[in-house]
């Protein structure tokens, strides 16, 4: 059931700040992701000049307690907001901030206004918290991509072939973003991407794991990047285009090189 947020009389809800833009001389339009309301676009009157009600509370990423009520116009009114978590650890690194911005943009594009998505809210809050705490960005990003596709109902299929439906085992497998998952060796006719067995096993483990054990799941860094590319291709195909924040994040990732043990490092001229 889609909620008509314009009919709200008064609601207090935990929300993640997805994005914001200036409106007129003193107001701001804020898009929130509420666990109980879904995606809600509100108007914050006087937010650009406020020194009390909205100071430092409407920046993304951020978790707030929002007080929303019916406004006079087409948008609900954000009456007040209390900052619950500004995710300060994310703001200490340009790369972490760019990655968080990518997650927020992807989530905002996937959500339909007024449709409750508590699982997706919990997932986004979870990866933001992990990034804030200093967990490896590469592992978190692959976790976000995979679980977002699963929670949103798009798959991917990681156990059976999308064409013949037979279970895929062994060392040789392929992945097709267009088909939405695995292609077995027998059905492979070109066009799909090679999916090494260690990466397939890792993705299967990741699909069933909670966030916190991901640090203990062993995977070569180069395979992580390969998995990222496959799932990004699939997700962005669903979205219809690449998010704006994607290029910023990838440009920052290009500063890395791969060390001899398969872990990321920094290019010497960028240290």
C-alpha atoms as a PDB file:
ATOM      1  CA  UNK A   1       0.000   0.000   0.000  1.00  0.00           C
ATOM      2  CA  UNK A   2       1.365   3.413  -1.002  1.00  0.00           C
ATOM      3  CA  UNK A   3       1.007   6.077   1.667  1.00  0.00           C
ATOM      4  CA  UNK A   4      -0.170   9.527   0.610  1.00  0.00           C
ATOM      5  CA  UNK A   5       2.174  11.611   2.756  1.00  0.00           C
ATOM      6  CA  UNK A   6       0.188  14.751   1.966  1.00  0.00           C
ATOM      7  CA  UNK A   7      -2.563  13.401   4.226  1.00  0.00           C
ATOM      8  CA  UNK A   8      -0.275  13.273   7.274  1.00  0.00           C
ATOM      9  CA  UNK A   9      -1.457  15.338  10.220  1.00  0.00           C
ATOM     10  CA  UNK A  10       1.613  14.821  12.402  1.00  0.00           C
ATOM     11  CA  UNK A  11       4.313  12.152  12.361  1.00  0.00           C
ATOM     12  CA  UNK A  12       7.635  11.579  14.149  1.00  0.00           C
ATOM     13  CA  UNK A  13       9.888   9.171  12.273  1.00  0.00           C
ATOM     14  CA  UNK A  14      13.501   8.022  12.076  1.00  0.00           C
ATOM     15  CA  UNK A  15      14.833   9.020   8.670  1.00  0.00           C
ATOM     16  CA  UNK A  16      17.991   8.966   6.591  1.00  0.00           C
ATOM     17  CA  UNK A  17      18.718  12.174   4.681  1.00  0.00           C
ATOM     18  CA  UNK A  18      19.090  11.220   1.007  1.00  0.00           C
ATOM     19  CA  UNK A  19      19.460  14.613  -0.663  1.00  0.00           C
ATOM     20  CA  UNK A  20      18.559  18.275  -0.445  1.00  0.00           C
ATOM     21  CA  UNK A  21      18.342  21.420  -2.549  1.00  0.00           C
ATOM     22  CA  UNK A  22      17.689  25.102  -1.960  1.00  0.00           C
ATOM     23  CA  UNK A  23      14.209  26.473  -2.614  1.00  0.00           C
ATOM     24  CA  UNK A  24      13.682  30.173  -2.747  1.00  0.00           C
ATOM     25  CA  UNK A  25      15.605  32.539  -0.507  1.00  0.00           C
ATOM     26  CA  UNK A  26      15.333  30.674   2.780  1.00  0.00           C
ATOM     27  CA  UNK A  27      13.790  27.207   2.342  1.00  0.00           C
ATOM     28  CA  UNK A  28      15.181  23.787   1.449  1.00  0.00           C
ATOM     29  CA  UNK A  29      13.597  20.757  -0.207  1.00  0.00           C
ATOM     30  CA  UNK A  30      14.778  17.580   1.532  1.00  0.00           C
ATOM     31  CA  UNK A  31      14.284  13.987   0.414  1.00  0.00           C
ATOM     32  CA  UNK A  32      14.131  11.628   3.377  1.00  0.00           C
ATOM     33  CA  UNK A  33      14.062   7.850   3.625  1.00  0.00           C
ATOM     34  CA  UNK A  34      11.838   7.018   6.582  1.00  0.00           C
ATOM     35  CA  UNK A  35      11.634   3.473   7.900  1.00  0.00           C
ATOM     36  CA  UNK A  36       7.918   3.866   8.568  1.00  0.00           C
ATOM     37  CA  UNK A  37       6.921   6.100   5.634  1.00  0.00           C
ATOM     38  CA  UNK A  38       9.323   5.246   2.813  1.00  0.00           C
ATOM     39  CA  UNK A  39      10.686   8.010   0.586  1.00  0.00           C
ATOM     40  CA  UNK A  40       9.274  11.394   1.568  1.00  0.00           C
ATOM     41  CA  UNK A  41      10.100  14.761   0.033  1.00  0.00           C
ATOM     42  CA  UNK A  42       9.484  17.594   2.492  1.00  0.00           C
ATOM     43  CA  UNK A  43       9.973  21.342   2.655  1.00  0.00           C
ATOM     44  CA  UNK A  44      12.029  22.792   5.496  1.00  0.00           C
ATOM     45  CA  UNK A  45      10.859  26.376   5.937  1.00  0.00           C
ATOM     46  CA  UNK A  46      13.629  28.821   6.795  1.00  0.00           C
ATOM     47  CA  UNK A  47      16.246  26.034   6.848  1.00  0.00           C
ATOM     48  CA  UNK A  48      18.873  28.116   5.050  1.00  0.00           C
ATOM     49  CA  UNK A  49      18.795  30.769   7.785  1.00  0.00           C
ATOM     50  CA  UNK A  50      17.815  28.660  10.805  1.00  0.00           C
ATOM     51  CA  UNK A  51      20.252  28.728  13.722  1.00  0.00           C
ATOM     52  CA  UNK A  52      18.197  26.479  16.009  1.00  0.00           C
ATOM     53  CA  UNK A  53      15.748  24.083  14.322  1.00  0.00           C
ATOM     54  CA  UNK A  54      17.885  22.692  11.507  1.00  0.00           C
ATOM     55  CA  UNK A  55      21.489  23.545  12.232  1.00  0.00           C
ATOM     56  CA  UNK A  56      23.701  20.713  10.856  1.00  0.00           C
ATOM     57  CA  UNK A  57      20.768  18.274  10.764  1.00  0.00           C
ATOM     58  CA  UNK A  58      19.817  18.203   7.091  1.00  0.00           C
ATOM     59  CA  UNK A  59      23.132  17.207   5.516  1.00  0.00           C
ATOM     60  CA  UNK A  60      23.567  13.807   3.871  1.00  0.00           C
ATOM     61  CA  UNK A  61      24.492  11.276   4.974  1.00  0.00           C
ATOM     62  CA  UNK A  62      22.728  11.679   8.302  1.00  0.00           C
ATOM     63  CA  UNK A  63      20.205   9.901  10.494  1.00  0.00           C
ATOM     64  CA  UNK A  64      17.583  12.179  12.041  1.00  0.00           C
ATOM     65  CA  UNK A  65      14.358  12.096  14.009  1.00  0.00           C
ATOM     66  CA  UNK A  66      12.019  14.047  11.758  1.00  0.00           C
ATOM     67  CA  UNK A  67       8.787  15.737  12.792  1.00  0.00           C
ATOM     68  CA  UNK A  68       6.578  15.896   9.698  1.00  0.00           C
ATOM     69  CA  UNK A  69       3.115  17.375   9.366  1.00  0.00           C
ATOM     70  CA  UNK A  70       0.757  18.323   6.576  1.00  0.00           C
ATOM     71  CA  UNK A  71       1.715  21.573   4.914  1.00  0.00           C
ATOM     72  CA  UNK A  72      -0.331  24.161   3.072  1.00  0.00           C
ATOM     73  CA  UNK A  73       1.198  23.312  -0.288  1.00  0.00           C
ATOM     74  CA  UNK A  74       1.811  20.052  -2.123  1.00  0.00           C
ATOM     75  CA  UNK A  75       4.741  19.030   0.084  1.00  0.00           C
ATOM     76  CA  UNK A  76       4.628  17.937   3.737  1.00  0.00           C
ATOM     77  CA  UNK A  77       6.297  20.330   6.161  1.00  0.00           C
ATOM     78  CA  UNK A  78       9.402  19.347   8.100  1.00  0.00           C
ATOM     79  CA  UNK A  79       8.568  20.989  11.400  1.00  0.00           C
ATOM     80  CA  UNK A  80      11.675  19.915  13.330  1.00  0.00           C
ATOM     81  CA  UNK A  81      14.634  17.530  13.105  1.00  0.00           C
ATOM     82  CA  UNK A  82      16.953  16.062  15.730  1.00  0.00           C
ATOM     83  CA  UNK A  83      20.314  14.715  14.610  1.00  0.00           C
ATOM     84  CA  UNK A  84      20.764  11.098  15.741  1.00  0.00           C
ATOM     85  CA  UNK A  85      23.926  10.167  13.819  1.00  0.00           C
ATOM     86  CA  UNK A  86      25.949  12.425  11.484  1.00  0.00           C
ATOM     87  CA  UNK A  87      28.296   9.531  10.542  1.00  0.00           C
ATOM     88  CA  UNK A  88      31.439  11.569  11.304  1.00  0.00           C
ATOM     89  CA  UNK A  89      33.812   8.763  10.260  1.00  0.00           C
ATOM     90  CA  UNK A  90      32.462   8.904   6.702  1.00  0.00           C
ATOM     91  CA  UNK A  91      33.235  12.614   6.441  1.00  0.00           C
ATOM     92  CA  UNK A  92      36.908  12.065   7.287  1.00  0.00           C
ATOM     93  CA  UNK A  93      37.616  10.507   3.874  1.00  0.00           C
ATOM     94  CA  UNK A  94      36.667  11.825   0.438  1.00  0.00           C
ATOM     95  CA  UNK A  95      36.462   8.259  -0.839  1.00  0.00           C
ATOM     96  CA  UNK A  96      34.148   7.123   1.945  1.00  0.00           C
ATOM     97  CA  UNK A  97      31.977  10.198   1.453  1.00  0.00           C
ATOM     98  CA  UNK A  98      31.778   9.556  -2.300  1.00  0.00           C
ATOM     99  CA  UNK A  99      30.830   5.915  -1.692  1.00  0.00           C
ATOM    100  CA  UNK A 100      28.117   6.902   0.795  1.00  0.00           C
ATOM    101  CA  UNK A 101      26.806   9.450  -1.730  1.00  0.00           C
ATOM    102  CA  UNK A 102      26.622   6.705  -4.356  1.00  0.00           C
ATOM    103  CA  UNK A 103      24.607   4.454  -2.012  1.00  0.00           C
ATOM    104  CA  UNK A 104      22.214   7.305  -1.202  1.00  0.00           C
ATOM    105  CA  UNK A 105      21.687   8.172  -4.863  1.00  0.00           C
ATOM    106  CA  UNK A 106      21.091   4.537  -5.858  1.00  0.00           C
ATOM    107  CA  UNK A 107      18.599   4.113  -3.012  1.00  0.00           C
ATOM    108  CA  UNK A 108      16.748   7.324  -3.855  1.00  0.00           C
ATOM    109  CA  UNK A 109      16.373   6.238  -7.480  1.00  0.00           C
ATOM    110  CA  UNK A 110      15.102   2.794  -6.537  1.00  0.00           C
ATOM    111  CA  UNK A 111      12.493   4.010  -4.060  1.00  0.00           C
ATOM    112  CA  UNK A 112       8.941   4.918  -4.999  1.00  0.00           C
ATOM    113  CA  UNK A 113       7.428   7.813  -2.998  1.00  0.00           C
ATOM    114  CA  UNK A 114       5.349   6.728  -0.015  1.00  0.00           C
ATOM    115  CA  UNK A 115       6.082   3.003  -0.393  1.00  0.00           C
ATOM    116  CA  UNK A 116       7.448   1.491   2.822  1.00  0.00           C
ATOM    117  CA  UNK A 117      10.767  -0.341   2.380  1.00  0.00           C
ATOM    118  CA  UNK A 118      11.965  -1.220   5.916  1.00  0.00           C
ATOM    119  CA  UNK A 119      14.455  -3.869   4.720  1.00  0.00           C
ATOM    120  CA  UNK A 120      16.112  -1.431   2.364  1.00  0.00           C
ATOM    121  CA  UNK A 121      16.185   1.195   5.110  1.00  0.00           C
ATOM    122  CA  UNK A 122      17.875  -1.250   7.488  1.00  0.00           C
ATOM    123  CA  UNK A 123      20.404  -2.229   4.800  1.00  0.00           C
ATOM    124  CA  UNK A 124      21.341   1.376   4.020  1.00  0.00           C
ATOM    125  CA  UNK A 125      21.625   2.257   7.723  1.00  0.00           C
ATOM    126  CA  UNK A 126      23.764  -0.853   8.252  1.00  0.00           C
ATOM    127  CA  UNK A 127      26.337  -0.140   5.529  1.00  0.00           C
ATOM    128  CA  UNK A 128      26.548   3.540   6.485  1.00  0.00           C
ATOM    129  CA  UNK A 129      27.212   2.504  10.081  1.00  0.00           C
ATOM    130  CA  UNK A 130      29.860   0.023   8.928  1.00  0.00           C
ATOM    131  CA  UNK A 131      31.568   2.632   6.743  1.00  0.00           C
ATOM    132  CA  UNK A 132      31.446   5.089   9.629  1.00  0.00           C
ATOM    133  CA  UNK A 133      33.134   2.506  11.860  1.00  0.00           C
ATOM    134  CA  UNK A 134      35.966   1.973   9.386  1.00  0.00           C
ATOM    135  CA  UNK A 135      35.037  -1.357   7.773  1.00  0.00           C
ATOM    136  CA  UNK A 136      36.635  -1.971   4.364  1.00  0.00           C
ATOM    137  CA  UNK A 137      34.797   0.144   1.736  1.00  0.00           C
ATOM    138  CA  UNK A 138      35.293  -2.445  -1.025  1.00  0.00           C
ATOM    139  CA  UNK A 139      33.653  -5.225   0.994  1.00  0.00           C
ATOM    140  CA  UNK A 140      30.818  -2.939   2.091  1.00  0.00           C
ATOM    141  CA  UNK A 141      30.168  -1.789  -1.476  1.00  0.00           C
ATOM    142  CA  UNK A 142      29.890  -5.336  -2.817  1.00  0.00           C
ATOM    143  CA  UNK A 143      27.644  -6.223   0.140  1.00  0.00           C
ATOM    144  CA  UNK A 144      25.446  -3.181  -0.590  1.00  0.00           C
ATOM    145  CA  UNK A 145      25.179  -3.947  -4.311  1.00  0.00           C
ATOM    146  CA  UNK A 146      24.274  -7.587  -3.801  1.00  0.00           C
ATOM    147  CA  UNK A 147      21.842  -7.116  -0.930  1.00  0.00           C
ATOM    148  CA  UNK A 148      20.160  -4.127  -2.584  1.00  0.00           C
ATOM    149  CA  UNK A 149      19.449  -6.220  -5.671  1.00  0.00           C
ATOM    150  CA  UNK A 150      18.092  -9.022  -3.484  1.00  0.00           C
ATOM    151  CA  UNK A 151      15.935  -6.810  -1.235  1.00  0.00           C
ATOM    152  CA  UNK A 152      14.574  -4.884  -4.235  1.00  0.00           C
ATOM    153  CA  UNK A 153      13.515  -8.179  -5.822  1.00  0.00           C
ATOM    154  CA  UNK A 154      15.919  -8.244  -8.777  1.00  0.00           C
ATOM    155  CA  UNK A 155      18.060 -11.250  -7.762  1.00  0.00           C
ATOM    156  CA  UNK A 156      20.696 -12.004  -8.914  1.00  0.00           C
ATOM    157  CA  UNK A 157      20.497 -15.756  -9.398  1.00  0.00           C
ATOM    158  CA  UNK A 158      23.666 -17.232  -7.846  1.00  0.00           C
ATOM    159  CA  UNK A 159      22.825 -20.936  -7.613  1.00  0.00           C
ATOM    160  CA  UNK A 160      21.164 -22.073 -10.845  1.00  0.00           C
ATOM    161  CA  UNK A 161      21.662 -21.254 -14.510  1.00  0.00           C
ATOM    162  CA  UNK A 162      19.233 -18.571 -15.687  1.00  0.00           C
ATOM    163  CA  UNK A 163      18.703 -20.406 -18.965  1.00  0.00           C
ATOM    164  CA  UNK A 164      18.463 -24.113 -18.101  1.00  0.00           C
ATOM    165  CA  UNK A 165      17.766 -23.754 -14.324  1.00  0.00           C
ATOM    166  CA  UNK A 166      20.312 -26.454 -13.456  1.00  0.00           C
ATOM    167  CA  UNK A 167      22.480 -25.877 -10.369  1.00  0.00           C
ATOM    168  CA  UNK A 168      25.897 -24.443 -11.222  1.00  0.00           C
ATOM    169  CA  UNK A 169      28.882 -26.070  -9.537  1.00  0.00           C
ATOM    170  CA  UNK A 170      32.522 -26.444 -10.434  1.00  0.00           C
ATOM    171  CA  UNK A 171      35.235 -24.034 -11.457  1.00  0.00           C
ATOM    172  CA  UNK A 172      33.733 -22.579 -14.639  1.00  0.00           C
ATOM    173  CA  UNK A 173      30.737 -20.245 -14.584  1.00  0.00           C
ATOM    174  CA  UNK A 174      29.585 -17.051 -16.266  1.00  0.00           C
ATOM    175  CA  UNK A 175      27.527 -14.074 -15.154  1.00  0.00           C
ATOM    176  CA  UNK A 176      25.109 -12.160 -17.351  1.00  0.00           C
ATOM    177  CA  UNK A 177      23.764  -8.817 -16.006  1.00  0.00           C
ATOM    178  CA  UNK A 178      21.205  -8.885 -18.817  1.00  0.00           C
ATOM    179  CA  UNK A 179      19.896 -12.328 -17.800  1.00  0.00           C
ATOM    180  CA  UNK A 180      20.121 -11.465 -14.107  1.00  0.00           C
ATOM    181  CA  UNK A 181      22.559 -14.090 -12.890  1.00  0.00           C
ATOM    182  CA  UNK A 182      24.549 -17.207 -13.653  1.00  0.00           C
ATOM    183  CA  UNK A 183      24.990 -18.879 -17.012  1.00  0.00           C
ATOM    184  CA  UNK A 184      26.387 -22.425 -16.971  1.00  0.00           C
ATOM    185  CA  UNK A 185      29.150 -23.626 -19.292  1.00  0.00           C
ATOM    186  CA  UNK A 186      26.695 -25.631 -21.399  1.00  0.00           C
ATOM    187  CA  UNK A 187      24.388 -22.633 -21.999  1.00  0.00           C
ATOM    188  CA  UNK A 188      27.173 -20.099 -22.506  1.00  0.00           C
ATOM    189  CA  UNK A 189      27.133 -18.658 -26.029  1.00  0.00           C
ATOM    190  CA  UNK A 190      29.228 -15.549 -25.524  1.00  0.00           C
ATOM    191  CA  UNK A 191      28.373 -12.125 -24.124  1.00  0.00           C
ATOM    192  CA  UNK A 192      28.422 -13.159 -20.461  1.00  0.00           C
ATOM    193  CA  UNK A 193      31.319 -12.400 -18.124  1.00  0.00           C
ATOM    194  CA  UNK A 194      33.594 -15.008 -16.602  1.00  0.00           C
ATOM    195  CA  UNK A 195      32.831 -15.603 -12.918  1.00  0.00           C
ATOM    196  CA  UNK A 196      35.724 -17.316 -11.083  1.00  0.00           C
ATOM    197  CA  UNK A 197      34.654 -19.967  -8.601  1.00  0.00           C
ATOM    198  CA  UNK A 198      36.176 -18.172  -5.534  1.00  0.00           C
ATOM    199  CA  UNK A 199      34.110 -15.072  -6.368  1.00  0.00           C
ATOM    200  CA  UNK A 200      30.922 -17.074  -6.912  1.00  0.00           C
ATOM    201  CA  UNK A 201      31.432 -18.829  -3.572  1.00  0.00           C
ATOM    202  CA  UNK A 202      32.054 -15.459  -1.891  1.00  0.00           C
ATOM    203  CA  UNK A 203      28.877 -13.965  -3.393  1.00  0.00           C
ATOM    204  CA  UNK A 204      26.857 -16.947  -2.202  1.00  0.00           C
ATOM    205  CA  UNK A 205      28.264 -16.552   1.312  1.00  0.00           C
ATOM    206  CA  UNK A 206      27.613 -12.798   1.174  1.00  0.00           C
ATOM    207  CA  UNK A 207      24.000 -13.320   0.128  1.00  0.00           C
ATOM    208  CA  UNK A 208      23.373 -15.293   3.320  1.00  0.00           C
ATOM    209  CA  UNK A 209      25.607 -13.405   5.755  1.00  0.00           C
ATOM    210  CA  UNK A 210      24.870 -10.531   8.087  1.00  0.00           C
ATOM    211  CA  UNK A 211      27.155  -7.503   7.751  1.00  0.00           C
ATOM    212  CA  UNK A 212      29.608  -8.123  10.535  1.00  0.00           C
ATOM    213  CA  UNK A 213      31.192 -11.438   9.376  1.00  0.00           C
ATOM    214  CA  UNK A 214      32.167 -10.003   5.983  1.00  0.00           C
ATOM    215  CA  UNK A 215      35.646  -9.097   7.262  1.00  0.00           C
ATOM    216  CA  UNK A 216      36.245 -12.787   7.965  1.00  0.00           C
ATOM    217  CA  UNK A 217      35.221 -13.931   4.468  1.00  0.00           C
ATOM    218  CA  UNK A 218      38.446 -14.301   2.492  1.00  0.00           C
ATOM    219  CA  UNK A 219      38.523 -12.905  -1.036  1.00  0.00           C
ATOM    220  CA  UNK A 220      41.239 -11.490  -3.283  1.00  0.00           C
ATOM    221  CA  UNK A 221      40.911  -7.729  -3.744  1.00  0.00           C
ATOM    222  CA  UNK A 222      40.987  -8.052  -7.532  1.00  0.00           C
ATOM    223  CA  UNK A 223      38.044 -10.446  -7.376  1.00  0.00           C
ATOM    224  CA  UNK A 224      36.166  -7.932  -5.217  1.00  0.00           C
ATOM    225  CA  UNK A 225      36.607  -5.340  -7.939  1.00  0.00           C
ATOM    226  CA  UNK A 226      35.464  -7.819 -10.588  1.00  0.00           C
ATOM    227  CA  UNK A 227      32.353  -8.583  -8.534  1.00  0.00           C
ATOM    228  CA  UNK A 228      31.682  -4.861  -8.151  1.00  0.00           C
ATOM    229  CA  UNK A 229      31.765  -4.324 -11.910  1.00  0.00           C
ATOM    230  CA  UNK A 230      29.345  -7.189 -12.587  1.00  0.00           C
ATOM    231  CA  UNK A 231      26.774  -6.103  -9.983  1.00  0.00           C
ATOM    232  CA  UNK A 232      27.111  -2.400 -10.832  1.00  0.00           C
ATOM    233  CA  UNK A 233      26.380  -3.225 -14.475  1.00  0.00           C
ATOM    234  CA  UNK A 234      23.268  -5.152 -13.454  1.00  0.00           C
ATOM    235  CA  UNK A 235      22.017  -2.529 -10.994  1.00  0.00           C
ATOM    236  CA  UNK A 236      22.640   0.440 -13.273  1.00  0.00           C
ATOM    237  CA  UNK A 237      20.871  -1.383 -16.089  1.00  0.00           C
ATOM    238  CA  UNK A 238      17.821  -1.595 -13.821  1.00  0.00           C
ATOM    239  CA  UNK A 239      18.116   2.100 -12.922  1.00  0.00           C
ATOM    240  CA  UNK A 240      18.393   3.028 -16.598  1.00  0.00           C
ATOM    241  CA  UNK A 241      21.619   5.035 -16.223  1.00  0.00           C
ATOM    242  CA  UNK A 242      24.708   5.435 -14.116  1.00  0.00           C
ATOM    243  CA  UNK A 243      24.302   7.541 -10.970  1.00  0.00           C
ATOM    244  CA  UNK A 244      26.067  10.897 -10.973  1.00  0.00           C
ATOM    245  CA  UNK A 245      28.064   9.931  -7.869  1.00  0.00           C
ATOM    246  CA  UNK A 246      29.436   6.820  -9.591  1.00  0.00           C
ATOM    247  CA  UNK A 247      32.090   8.701 -11.592  1.00  0.00           C
ATOM    248  CA  UNK A 248      33.305  10.597  -8.530  1.00  0.00           C
ATOM    249  CA  UNK A 249      33.719   7.372  -6.552  1.00  0.00           C
ATOM    250  CA  UNK A 250      35.483   5.559  -9.398  1.00  0.00           C
ATOM    251  CA  UNK A 251      37.843   8.477 -10.010  1.00  0.00           C
ATOM    252  CA  UNK A 252      38.905   8.283  -6.370  1.00  0.00           C
ATOM    253  CA  UNK A 253      39.298   4.492  -6.646  1.00  0.00           C
ATOM    254  CA  UNK A 254      41.716   4.949  -9.550  1.00  0.00           C
ATOM    255  CA  UNK A 255      44.244   6.344  -7.066  1.00  0.00           C
ATOM    256  CA  UNK A 256      44.735   2.788  -5.796  1.00  0.00           C
ATOM    257  CA  UNK A 257      47.097   0.113  -6.951  1.00  0.00           C
ATOM    258  CA  UNK A 258      47.074  -3.591  -6.063  1.00  0.00           C
ATOM    259  CA  UNK A 259      49.864  -4.749  -3.757  1.00  0.00           C
ATOM    260  CA  UNK A 260      51.610  -8.098  -4.130  1.00  0.00           C
ATOM    261  CA  UNK A 261      49.311  -9.709  -1.537  1.00  0.00           C
ATOM    262  CA  UNK A 262      46.175  -8.618  -3.398  1.00  0.00           C
ATOM    263  CA  UNK A 263      45.282  -5.740  -1.072  1.00  0.00           C
ATOM    264  CA  UNK A 264      44.689  -2.080  -2.049  1.00  0.00           C
ATOM    265  CA  UNK A 265      47.333   0.583  -1.568  1.00  0.00           C
ATOM    266  CA  UNK A 266      47.961   4.153  -2.728  1.00  0.00           C
ATOM    267  CA  UNK A 267      49.964   5.195  -5.744  1.00  0.00           C
ATOM    268  CA  UNK A 268      53.202   6.737  -4.587  1.00  0.00           C
ATOM    269  CA  UNK A 269      52.580  10.051  -6.345  1.00  0.00           C
ATOM    270  CA  UNK A 270      49.298  10.421  -4.454  1.00  0.00           C
ATOM    271  CA  UNK A 271      50.607   9.736  -0.951  1.00  0.00           C
END
